[in-house]
Structures are given as C-alpha cells and as structure tokens.
C-alpha cells in the first residue's frame, strides 16, 4: 500500500468537504457551492493526480475497482481514508463555523423529494461524474484537460441536483456533515447516498467497458 497515495486521498477528501460543505453552509448561492466543489476537484486532480489519481470519493474508487483500474486492497485503503478525511473535514468545519454551522451543508432530500427520487438522482449524477472520469482521464483522450472536464461535470451536476438532494455524488461528502449537522434527517437518509452513489459509479464502469476502444 502506497502511504503517499493514502495521504493524498485523505487531504483531498478533507479539503473537498471542508470547502464544499463549507460553501454550502455559509453561502446561499448554488453557483458558489457548485464552483467550490468543482474547483477543489480540478485543483487537486492536478496536484495529486500523479500520486493517487485523486479519487477523493468512495463511489469513484468503487467505479474504478469494477472497471479493473485499481486492485481491491488499494481500493479498500482509499475508501477508508476518504471516509476518515470526510469526517475530519466536517469536524474542522464545524469547529471553525461554530454557532454558524447550522446544517453544515449536509446533503439531504429537499421537502417533497422522496426516497426513490433521491436514489435515482444521486445514482444518475454519480454516473455522469464517473463516466467523465473514465472517458477523459482513464481513456487518456483528454490529456491534461481531463481535470477540467471532471471538475466541470461535478459543478453542473450540483447545479441541477443541489436543490433536490444536495447533489452529494460522494458517500464521504455525505457522511462527515451528517455526523455534525443539525438537519433532522441527515443520518436517517445517509444510506441512500452510500448505496446510490457507488451504484452510479458501477454503471459508469460497465458502460466504459462496453464502449471503450479495444
């Protein structure tokens, strides 16, 4: 196990939650929240891409595992540090914001959005993200522009899904804030993000396997 890669995944996930959930907690602007998440992914993809691949998302790691891009032991290590990084990022954010923490940017279904709707939307949005990763970064066709495509994909997914489900696309993004959030259903709906997001990653891996050039 490459300890440098694990550190990179921890720091990257910590930053994604600290900045992304932080923007959601203190900003009323959906555009600001989308850009905060997208820019973190873009920046860290360039910074840590050569070290760990900058998954910073268990759903991405599972999607790449199913597609044979990472072995099981490495994937398991990534997922553990991603979840720990997400919790640590949320804890730091909760401390910094103090009384202003509120819901801490927790990803929860909006009023009137049911479980099935949340599940399908999170699955589809995560599919779009991992699909972008496969067809730009994994395929190698986008070259140095792959991080831009991936960051923009995350941003446009949040622009659409944010008002409905919080647009998590990432179990680590949902776990950390849920543990510290004042939102009444943050923990009870957490399972949706832990199942739907990885499933979206798996579907993207299967599509890439079917469409990739031999």
Protein backbone atom coordinates (compact mmCIF):
# COMPACT_ATOMS: atom_id res chain seq x y z
CA UNK A 1 0.00 0.00 0.00
CA UNK A 2 1.38 3.37 -1.04
CA UNK A 3 1.25 5.60 2.04
CA UNK A 4 1.75 8.72 -0.09
CA UNK A 5 -1.39 7.88 -2.07
CA UNK A 6 -3.38 7.39 1.14
CA UNK A 7 -2.23 10.74 2.49
CA UNK A 8 -3.18 12.39 -0.81
CA UNK A 9 -6.65 10.83 -0.69
CA UNK A 10 -7.12 11.92 2.93
CA UNK A 11 -6.05 15.51 2.30
CA UNK A 12 -8.04 15.76 -0.92
CA UNK A 13 -11.24 14.44 0.67
CA UNK A 14 -10.74 16.61 3.76
CA UNK A 15 -10.46 19.65 1.51
CA UNK A 16 -13.47 18.72 -0.61
CA UNK A 17 -15.70 18.50 2.47
CA UNK A 18 -14.18 21.50 4.26
CA UNK A 19 -14.51 23.76 1.22
CA UNK A 20 -17.54 22.22 -0.48
CA UNK A 21 -19.71 21.70 2.58
CA UNK A 22 -18.38 24.97 3.95
CA UNK A 23 -19.61 26.85 0.89
CA UNK A 24 -23.00 25.15 1.26
CA UNK A 25 -23.16 26.06 4.96
CA UNK A 26 -22.35 29.75 4.60
CA UNK A 27 -23.48 30.65 1.08
CA UNK A 28 -26.97 30.94 -0.30
CA UNK A 29 -25.62 30.71 -3.83
CA UNK A 30 -25.96 27.41 -5.66
CA UNK A 31 -23.36 28.59 -8.18
CA UNK A 32 -20.87 29.21 -5.36
CA UNK A 33 -21.43 25.72 -3.96
CA UNK A 34 -21.05 24.11 -7.39
CA UNK A 35 -17.85 26.03 -8.11
CA UNK A 36 -16.41 25.26 -4.67
CA UNK A 37 -16.74 21.52 -5.25
CA UNK A 38 -15.71 21.61 -8.89
CA UNK A 39 -12.65 23.76 -8.30
CA UNK A 40 -11.42 21.56 -5.43
CA UNK A 41 -11.62 18.51 -7.68
CA UNK A 42 -9.94 20.35 -10.53
CA UNK A 43 -7.13 21.72 -8.38
CA UNK A 44 -6.38 18.50 -6.57
CA UNK A 45 -6.56 16.44 -9.74
CA UNK A 46 -3.60 18.45 -11.00
CA UNK A 47 -1.85 18.46 -7.62
CA UNK A 48 -2.33 14.84 -6.51
CA UNK A 49 -3.32 13.09 -9.73
CA UNK A 50 0.14 11.62 -10.25
CA UNK A 51 0.21 10.40 -6.62
CA UNK A 52 -3.17 8.79 -6.07
CA UNK A 53 -5.35 9.59 -9.07
CA UNK A 54 -7.35 11.99 -6.87
CA UNK A 55 -10.42 9.83 -6.37
CA UNK A 56 -11.42 11.60 -3.10
CA UNK A 57 -14.74 9.78 -3.36
CA UNK A 58 -15.59 6.16 -2.47
CA UNK A 59 -18.07 5.99 -5.35
CA UNK A 60 -15.29 6.87 -7.79
CA UNK A 61 -12.97 4.29 -6.24
CA UNK A 62 -15.64 1.59 -6.43
CA UNK A 63 -16.37 2.51 -10.03
CA UNK A 64 -12.69 2.24 -10.92
CA UNK A 65 -12.40 -1.03 -8.99
CA UNK A 66 -15.23 -2.59 -11.02
CA UNK A 67 -13.55 -1.40 -14.21
CA UNK A 68 -10.25 -3.01 -13.24
CA UNK A 69 -8.40 0.30 -12.81
CA UNK A 70 -7.43 -0.38 -9.17
CA UNK A 71 -6.98 -3.55 -7.12
CA UNK A 72 -9.18 -4.46 -4.16
CA UNK A 73 -6.63 -3.87 -1.40
CA UNK A 74 -5.73 -0.43 -2.70
CA UNK A 75 -9.38 0.46 -3.21
CA UNK A 76 -10.23 -0.59 0.36
CA UNK A 77 -7.43 1.60 1.72
CA UNK A 78 -8.61 4.54 -0.37
CA UNK A 79 -12.21 4.20 0.83
CA UNK A 80 -11.19 4.06 4.49
CA UNK A 81 -9.05 7.20 4.34
CA UNK A 82 -11.65 9.00 2.19
CA UNK A 83 -14.34 8.40 4.82
CA UNK A 84 -11.98 9.43 7.62
CA UNK A 85 -10.98 12.51 5.63
CA UNK A 86 -14.62 13.41 5.14
CA UNK A 87 -15.35 13.16 8.86
CA UNK A 88 -12.21 15.11 9.74
CA UNK A 89 -13.08 17.83 7.22
CA UNK A 90 -16.58 18.15 8.63
CA UNK A 91 -15.28 18.23 12.21
CA UNK A 92 -12.84 21.01 11.34
CA UNK A 93 -15.58 22.91 9.51
CA UNK A 94 -17.96 22.52 12.46
CA UNK A 95 -15.30 23.91 14.79
CA UNK A 96 -14.46 26.85 12.54
CA UNK A 97 -18.07 27.85 11.91
CA UNK A 98 -19.22 27.33 15.50
CA UNK A 99 -22.68 28.78 16.03
CA UNK A 100 -22.95 29.48 12.29
CA UNK A 101 -22.56 25.81 11.39
CA UNK A 102 -26.29 25.11 11.08
CA UNK A 103 -26.88 22.10 8.86
CA UNK A 104 -23.17 22.11 7.95
CA UNK A 105 -24.02 21.70 4.28
CA UNK A 106 -25.45 18.22 4.86
CA UNK A 107 -26.81 16.51 1.76
CA UNK A 108 -30.45 15.65 2.42
CA UNK A 109 -33.51 15.29 0.20
CA UNK A 110 -35.47 18.50 -0.16
CA UNK A 111 -39.03 18.69 1.04
CA UNK A 112 -41.26 16.81 -1.38
CA UNK A 113 -38.40 14.75 -2.82
CA UNK A 114 -38.97 11.08 -1.99
CA UNK A 115 -36.52 8.30 -1.28
CA UNK A 116 -36.87 6.75 -4.73
CA UNK A 117 -36.38 10.11 -6.44
CA UNK A 118 -33.31 10.85 -4.31
CA UNK A 119 -31.87 7.42 -5.03
CA UNK A 120 -32.30 7.68 -8.79
CA UNK A 121 -30.99 11.24 -8.98
CA UNK A 122 -27.88 10.53 -6.91
CA UNK A 123 -27.22 7.39 -8.94
CA UNK A 124 -27.51 9.28 -12.23
CA UNK A 125 -25.44 12.25 -11.13
CA UNK A 126 -22.67 9.97 -9.87
CA UNK A 127 -22.87 8.04 -13.12
CA UNK A 128 -22.26 11.29 -15.01
CA UNK A 129 -19.23 12.08 -12.84
CA UNK A 130 -17.58 8.66 -13.09
CA UNK A 131 -18.45 8.50 -16.78
CA UNK A 132 -16.49 11.72 -17.26
CA UNK A 133 -13.56 10.25 -15.33
CA UNK A 134 -13.50 7.13 -17.48
CA UNK A 135 -13.83 8.79 -20.86
CA UNK A 136 -11.39 11.62 -20.16
CA UNK A 137 -8.82 10.53 -17.58
CA UNK A 138 -8.85 6.72 -17.81
CA UNK A 139 -9.06 6.66 -21.59
CA UNK A 140 -6.29 9.26 -21.76
CA UNK A 141 -8.03 11.02 -24.63
CA UNK A 142 -8.43 14.34 -22.82
CA UNK A 143 -4.81 14.51 -21.71
CA UNK A 144 -4.07 17.41 -19.37
CA UNK A 145 -7.60 18.73 -19.85
CA UNK A 146 -9.21 15.77 -18.05
CA UNK A 147 -9.29 17.50 -14.62
CA UNK A 148 -11.14 20.44 -16.16
CA UNK A 149 -13.78 18.16 -17.68
CA UNK A 150 -14.20 16.28 -14.40
CA UNK A 151 -14.40 19.42 -12.27
CA UNK A 152 -16.96 20.97 -14.62
CA UNK A 153 -19.01 17.76 -14.61
CA UNK A 154 -19.19 17.84 -10.82
CA UNK A 155 -20.17 21.50 -10.94
CA UNK A 156 -23.01 21.04 -13.43
CA UNK A 157 -24.32 18.03 -11.52
CA UNK A 158 -24.51 20.15 -8.36
CA UNK A 159 -26.21 22.98 -10.24
CA UNK A 160 -29.00 20.60 -11.22
CA UNK A 161 -29.22 18.27 -8.24
CA UNK A 162 -28.23 20.54 -5.38
CA UNK A 163 -31.72 21.94 -4.72
CA UNK A 164 -33.23 18.43 -4.80
CA UNK A 165 -30.88 16.06 -2.97
CA UNK A 166 -27.86 18.16 -2.05
CA UNK A 167 -26.04 16.56 -5.01
CA UNK A 168 -23.62 14.52 -2.96
CA UNK A 169 -22.30 12.08 -5.60
CA UNK A 170 -19.94 11.00 -2.81
CA UNK A 171 -20.54 8.96 0.37
CA UNK A 172 -17.67 10.76 2.11
CA UNK A 173 -19.26 14.11 1.26
CA UNK A 174 -22.48 12.98 2.93
CA UNK A 175 -21.04 11.15 5.94
CA UNK A 176 -18.93 13.89 7.52
CA UNK A 177 -21.52 16.68 7.56
CA UNK A 178 -24.30 14.26 8.61
CA UNK A 179 -22.42 13.43 11.82
CA UNK A 180 -22.30 17.09 12.89
CA UNK A 181 -25.36 18.54 11.18
CA UNK A 182 -28.45 19.95 12.84
CA UNK A 183 -30.57 18.68 9.92
CA UNK A 184 -33.10 16.24 11.43
CA UNK A 185 -32.90 13.65 8.63
CA UNK A 186 -29.19 13.85 7.82
CA UNK A 187 -28.40 10.47 9.40
CA UNK A 188 -31.63 8.66 8.55
CA UNK A 189 -31.20 9.33 4.81
CA UNK A 190 -27.46 8.68 4.75
CA UNK A 191 -27.92 5.13 3.45
CA UNK A 192 -29.30 6.48 0.16
CA UNK A 193 -26.01 8.20 -0.66
CA UNK A 194 -24.00 5.17 0.45
CA UNK A 195 -25.87 2.90 -1.97
CA UNK A 196 -26.97 5.07 -4.88
CA UNK A 197 -23.65 6.85 -5.47
CA UNK A 198 -21.48 3.70 -5.70
CA UNK A 199 -24.12 2.12 -7.93
CA UNK A 200 -23.82 5.07 -10.30
CA UNK A 201 -20.05 4.54 -10.36
CA UNK A 202 -20.51 0.86 -11.18
CA UNK A 203 -22.86 1.66 -14.06
CA UNK A 204 -20.34 4.10 -15.50
CA UNK A 205 -17.63 1.44 -15.33
CA UNK A 206 -19.85 -1.05 -17.14
CA UNK A 207 -20.66 1.47 -19.86
CA UNK A 208 -16.99 2.29 -20.37
CA UNK A 209 -16.22 -1.41 -20.65
CA UNK A 210 -18.87 -1.75 -23.35
CA UNK A 211 -17.89 1.33 -25.36
CA UNK A 212 -14.13 1.66 -25.00
CA UNK A 213 -11.86 1.17 -27.97
CA UNK A 214 -10.18 -2.22 -27.96
